[in-house]
Amino acid sequence: MGGTERLTEFELAVSPGAAARLEVKMPNPKRRHSHSRTRQRRAHDALKAPQFYLDKDTGEAKKPHRIDPDTGMYKGRKIIEVKNAD
């Protein structure tokens, strides 16, 4: 018995030591994936540009839906008191 031979399921069931002689291999795909299937999977992998808005008062680019740490304002309302670092 050489190391490169393939054993059938019957031979593995009959010979209990045959399974120990086989080397462990990782599973591989049975069929090739088409270009279309590969591209459909990768359609969601693209990096998205970060979202910003321009502040009405300062004209500065800021992230949406966040309290302004300098003024404590959110949607035109005062949410938190800000300590001045004067």
N, C-alpha and C. Protein backbone atom coordinates (compact mmCIF):
# COMPACT_ATOMS: atom_id res chain seq x y z
N MET A 1 0.84 -1.18 0.00
CA MET A 1 0.00 0.00 0.00
C MET A 1 0.88 1.24 0.00
N GLY A 2 0.81 2.04 -1.06
CA GLY A 2 1.58 3.27 -1.15
C GLY A 2 0.86 4.42 -0.47
N GLY A 3 1.54 5.51 -0.26
CA GLY A 3 0.96 6.65 0.42
C GLY A 3 0.07 7.50 -0.47
N THR A 4 0.11 7.28 -1.78
CA THR A 4 -0.65 8.13 -2.69
C THR A 4 -1.92 7.47 -3.18
N GLU A 5 -2.25 6.30 -2.71
CA GLU A 5 -3.44 5.61 -3.20
C GLU A 5 -4.70 6.17 -2.55
N ARG A 6 -5.79 6.02 -3.26
CA ARG A 6 -7.08 6.48 -2.75
C ARG A 6 -7.88 5.26 -2.31
N LEU A 7 -8.50 5.39 -1.15
CA LEU A 7 -9.31 4.30 -0.63
C LEU A 7 -10.78 4.62 -0.82
N THR A 8 -11.56 3.61 -1.16
CA THR A 8 -13.00 3.80 -1.31
C THR A 8 -13.66 3.78 0.06
N GLU A 9 -14.93 4.17 0.09
CA GLU A 9 -15.66 4.16 1.36
C GLU A 9 -15.74 2.73 1.92
N PHE A 10 -15.87 1.77 1.04
CA PHE A 10 -15.95 0.37 1.47
C PHE A 10 -14.65 -0.05 2.15
N GLU A 11 -13.52 0.29 1.54
CA GLU A 11 -12.23 -0.07 2.13
C GLU A 11 -12.01 0.62 3.46
N LEU A 12 -12.49 1.85 3.59
CA LEU A 12 -12.36 2.55 4.87
C LEU A 12 -13.22 1.90 5.94
N ALA A 13 -14.41 1.42 5.55
CA ALA A 13 -15.31 0.79 6.52
C ALA A 13 -14.78 -0.58 6.94
N VAL A 14 -14.18 -1.31 6.01
CA VAL A 14 -13.69 -2.66 6.31
C VAL A 14 -12.39 -2.61 7.09
N SER A 15 -11.49 -1.72 6.72
CA SER A 15 -10.18 -1.65 7.36
C SER A 15 -10.13 -0.45 8.31
N PRO A 16 -10.17 -0.71 9.64
CA PRO A 16 -10.21 0.40 10.59
C PRO A 16 -8.92 1.23 10.60
N GLY A 17 -7.78 0.66 10.26
CA GLY A 17 -6.53 1.40 10.28
C GLY A 17 -6.29 2.21 9.02
N ALA A 18 -7.15 2.02 8.00
CA ALA A 18 -6.95 2.71 6.74
C ALA A 18 -7.17 4.21 6.89
N ALA A 19 -8.11 4.61 7.73
CA ALA A 19 -8.40 6.03 7.92
C ALA A 19 -7.22 6.74 8.57
N ALA A 20 -6.49 6.06 9.43
CA ALA A 20 -5.34 6.67 10.09
C ALA A 20 -4.20 6.93 9.12
N ARG A 21 -4.13 6.16 8.04
CA ARG A 21 -3.06 6.33 7.07
C ARG A 21 -3.32 7.49 6.11
N LEU A 22 -4.58 7.95 6.03
CA LEU A 22 -4.91 9.03 5.11
C LEU A 22 -4.47 10.36 5.71
N GLU A 23 -4.00 11.25 4.86
CA GLU A 23 -3.63 12.57 5.35
C GLU A 23 -4.86 13.46 5.36
N VAL A 24 -4.91 14.39 6.29
CA VAL A 24 -6.06 15.28 6.43
C VAL A 24 -5.92 16.42 5.43
N LYS A 25 -6.98 16.67 4.66
CA LYS A 25 -6.98 17.73 3.67
C LYS A 25 -8.15 18.67 3.94
N MET A 26 -7.95 19.93 3.60
CA MET A 26 -9.01 20.92 3.77
C MET A 26 -10.04 20.73 2.65
N PRO A 27 -11.31 21.08 2.92
CA PRO A 27 -12.32 20.96 1.87
C PRO A 27 -12.11 21.98 0.76
N ASN A 28 -12.36 21.59 -0.44
CA ASN A 28 -12.23 22.45 -1.60
C ASN A 28 -13.55 22.50 -2.34
N PRO A 29 -13.81 23.58 -3.07
CA PRO A 29 -15.06 23.66 -3.82
C PRO A 29 -15.13 22.58 -4.89
N LYS A 30 -16.33 22.07 -5.05
CA LYS A 30 -16.51 21.00 -6.02
C LYS A 30 -16.54 21.55 -7.46
N ARG A 31 -17.12 22.74 -7.61
CA ARG A 31 -17.22 23.34 -8.92
C ARG A 31 -16.69 24.77 -8.89
N ARG A 32 -16.32 25.26 -10.05
CA ARG A 32 -15.80 26.61 -10.19
C ARG A 32 -16.94 27.62 -10.10
N HIS A 33 -16.72 28.74 -9.40
CA HIS A 33 -17.73 29.78 -9.33
C HIS A 33 -17.64 30.64 -10.59
N SER A 34 -18.79 31.00 -11.11
CA SER A 34 -18.83 31.81 -12.33
C SER A 34 -18.39 33.25 -12.02
N HIS A 35 -18.05 34.00 -13.07
CA HIS A 35 -17.66 35.40 -12.89
C HIS A 35 -18.81 36.19 -12.27
N SER A 36 -20.03 35.90 -12.71
CA SER A 36 -21.20 36.60 -12.22
C SER A 36 -21.40 36.36 -10.72
N ARG A 37 -21.28 35.13 -10.31
CA ARG A 37 -21.48 34.80 -8.89
C ARG A 37 -20.39 35.44 -8.02
N THR A 38 -19.17 35.41 -8.50
CA THR A 38 -18.06 36.02 -7.76
C THR A 38 -18.28 37.52 -7.63
N ARG A 39 -18.67 38.17 -8.71
CA ARG A 39 -18.87 39.62 -8.68
C ARG A 39 -20.08 40.01 -7.84
N GLN A 40 -21.11 39.20 -7.82
CA GLN A 40 -22.26 39.49 -6.97
C GLN A 40 -21.86 39.42 -5.49
N ARG A 41 -21.02 38.49 -5.16
CA ARG A 41 -20.55 38.38 -3.76
C ARG A 41 -19.70 39.58 -3.38
N ARG A 42 -18.88 40.04 -4.32
CA ARG A 42 -17.96 41.14 -4.04
C ARG A 42 -18.60 42.51 -4.18
N ALA A 43 -19.86 42.58 -4.58
CA ALA A 43 -20.52 43.86 -4.80
C ALA A 43 -20.59 44.69 -3.53
N HIS A 44 -20.59 44.06 -2.37
CA HIS A 44 -20.73 44.77 -1.11
C HIS A 44 -19.38 45.05 -0.45
N ASP A 45 -18.29 44.70 -1.09
CA ASP A 45 -16.97 44.87 -0.50
C ASP A 45 -16.37 46.25 -0.72
N ALA A 46 -16.97 47.07 -1.56
CA ALA A 46 -16.40 48.37 -1.89
C ALA A 46 -16.42 49.28 -0.67
N LEU A 47 -15.40 50.12 -0.53
CA LEU A 47 -15.35 51.09 0.55
C LEU A 47 -16.27 52.25 0.22
N LYS A 48 -16.98 52.74 1.24
CA LYS A 48 -17.89 53.85 1.05
C LYS A 48 -17.25 55.13 1.58
N ALA A 49 -17.50 56.23 0.89
CA ALA A 49 -16.96 57.52 1.33
C ALA A 49 -17.68 57.95 2.61
N PRO A 50 -16.95 58.52 3.57
CA PRO A 50 -17.61 58.96 4.81
C PRO A 50 -18.57 60.11 4.54
N GLN A 51 -19.66 60.14 5.28
CA GLN A 51 -20.69 61.16 5.09
C GLN A 51 -20.41 62.37 5.97
N PHE A 52 -20.55 63.57 5.42
CA PHE A 52 -20.36 64.81 6.15
C PHE A 52 -21.43 65.81 5.73
N TYR A 53 -21.65 66.80 6.57
CA TYR A 53 -22.50 67.92 6.19
C TYR A 53 -21.77 69.20 6.57
N LEU A 54 -22.14 70.30 5.95
CA LEU A 54 -21.52 71.58 6.25
C LEU A 54 -22.34 72.30 7.30
N ASP A 55 -21.68 72.70 8.39
CA ASP A 55 -22.35 73.41 9.48
C ASP A 55 -22.81 74.77 8.98
N LYS A 56 -24.06 75.15 9.34
CA LYS A 56 -24.62 76.41 8.86
C LYS A 56 -23.87 77.62 9.43
N ASP A 57 -23.46 77.53 10.69
CA ASP A 57 -22.83 78.68 11.34
C ASP A 57 -21.36 78.83 10.95
N THR A 58 -20.60 77.74 11.02
CA THR A 58 -19.15 77.83 10.80
C THR A 58 -18.72 77.43 9.40
N GLY A 59 -19.55 76.68 8.67
CA GLY A 59 -19.18 76.20 7.35
C GLY A 59 -18.22 75.03 7.40
N GLU A 60 -18.02 74.48 8.60
CA GLU A 60 -17.10 73.37 8.82
C GLU A 60 -17.78 72.05 8.47
N ALA A 61 -17.05 71.10 7.93
CA ALA A 61 -17.58 69.77 7.63
C ALA A 61 -17.65 68.96 8.91
N LYS A 62 -18.82 68.39 9.19
CA LYS A 62 -19.03 67.62 10.42
C LYS A 62 -19.76 66.33 10.12
N LYS A 63 -19.64 65.36 11.02
CA LYS A 63 -20.35 64.10 10.87
C LYS A 63 -21.81 64.30 11.29
N PRO A 64 -22.74 63.67 10.56
CA PRO A 64 -24.15 63.85 10.90
C PRO A 64 -24.57 63.10 12.16
N HIS A 65 -25.63 63.56 12.78
CA HIS A 65 -26.27 62.92 13.94
C HIS A 65 -25.34 62.85 15.14
N ARG A 66 -24.55 63.91 15.35
CA ARG A 66 -23.67 63.97 16.50
C ARG A 66 -23.75 65.36 17.12
N ILE A 67 -23.62 65.40 18.44
CA ILE A 67 -23.59 66.68 19.14
C ILE A 67 -22.27 67.37 18.84
N ASP A 68 -22.33 68.66 18.56
CA ASP A 68 -21.12 69.44 18.31
C ASP A 68 -20.36 69.61 19.62
N PRO A 69 -19.14 69.11 19.73
CA PRO A 69 -18.41 69.19 21.01
C PRO A 69 -17.99 70.61 21.38
N ASP A 70 -17.93 71.50 20.38
CA ASP A 70 -17.52 72.89 20.68
C ASP A 70 -18.67 73.71 21.25
N THR A 71 -19.88 73.50 20.73
CA THR A 71 -21.01 74.33 21.16
C THR A 71 -22.03 73.57 22.00
N GLY A 72 -22.07 72.23 21.90
CA GLY A 72 -23.06 71.44 22.63
C GLY A 72 -24.41 71.44 21.95
N MET A 73 -24.47 71.85 20.70
CA MET A 73 -25.74 71.94 19.98
C MET A 73 -25.99 70.69 19.13
N TYR A 74 -27.28 70.35 18.99
CA TYR A 74 -27.71 69.28 18.10
C TYR A 74 -29.06 69.67 17.53
N LYS A 75 -29.17 69.71 16.23
CA LYS A 75 -30.40 70.09 15.53
C LYS A 75 -30.92 71.45 16.01
N GLY A 76 -30.01 72.38 16.26
CA GLY A 76 -30.41 73.73 16.64
C GLY A 76 -30.79 73.89 18.10
N ARG A 77 -30.63 72.85 18.91
CA ARG A 77 -30.97 72.94 20.33
C ARG A 77 -29.73 72.71 21.17
N LYS A 78 -29.69 73.34 22.32
CA LYS A 78 -28.59 73.16 23.26
C LYS A 78 -28.82 71.86 24.03
N ILE A 79 -27.91 70.90 23.89
CA ILE A 79 -28.08 69.58 24.50
C ILE A 79 -27.21 69.45 25.75
N ILE A 80 -25.95 69.86 25.66
CA ILE A 80 -25.04 69.73 26.79
C ILE A 80 -24.35 71.07 27.05
N GLU A 81 -23.96 71.27 28.28
CA GLU A 81 -23.21 72.45 28.65
C GLU A 81 -21.72 72.17 28.34
N VAL A 82 -21.07 73.09 27.69
CA VAL A 82 -19.67 72.92 27.31
C VAL A 82 -18.81 73.81 28.20
N LYS A 83 -17.76 73.20 28.75
CA LYS A 83 -16.81 73.97 29.55
C LYS A 83 -15.89 74.75 28.63
N ASN A 84 -15.72 76.03 28.89
CA ASN A 84 -14.83 76.85 28.07
C ASN A 84 -13.40 76.66 28.51
N ALA A 85 -12.48 76.50 27.55
CA ALA A 85 -11.08 76.28 27.85
C ALA A 85 -10.31 77.59 27.68
N ASP A 86 -10.91 78.73 28.09
CA ASP A 86 -10.26 80.03 27.93
C ASP A 86 -9.09 80.17 28.83
